[in-house]
Amino acid sequence: MAFSRLVIYLACIMALGMVGHAMAQNSPDDFVNAHNSARNTVGVGPVTWDDTVAAYTKNYADQRIGDCQFIHSNGLYGENLFGSSGDDYSATDAVNAWVSEGQDCDYKNNTCVEGKVCGHYSQVVWKTSTSIGCDRVVCNNGGIFITCNYNRAGNIIG
């Protein structure tokens, strides 16, 4: 009997350890570090976590749990969205997907290469965007919805 309690106890400890690990992959630091890695590559100053922006972002992400649809919030901030039908994508995966668009950025003309998309990337590295708030939710359909909002908004013409 004592052995089976020990096994249950150890299983609980391992489960709690995995939950902490999974959450750590989607912490504010994970979002900030992934952004700052990309920003450093192009010589742009770092972003910091903003609790006000994060509260806005969490509120909006929670609204997407029911359907996981890619609909922008159309709020005061710049915004990037990421989603998948699987739930195994992390904060870093989302930021890396946005950053991968950098290969399609025409820096000389401050546009995207014709026929390509690079607006998510340019928002990540937008010089005057200095703070972020991000959130990741698992939707009712088993997919994920990840969003980051940026203060000041980027990708503004002019």
Foldseek 3Di string as FASTA:
>chain_A
DVVVVVVVVVVVVVVVVVVVVQVVLADQCVLQVLLVVLLVVVPADGAAADVVQQVVQVVVQVVCQAPVDPDDPPDQWAKDKDKDLAAPDGSNNRSVVLLVQVVQADVVVRHGNPPGDNVSNCQSNVRQFHYKHKDKDQHPSNMIMIMMTTVPHDPDDD
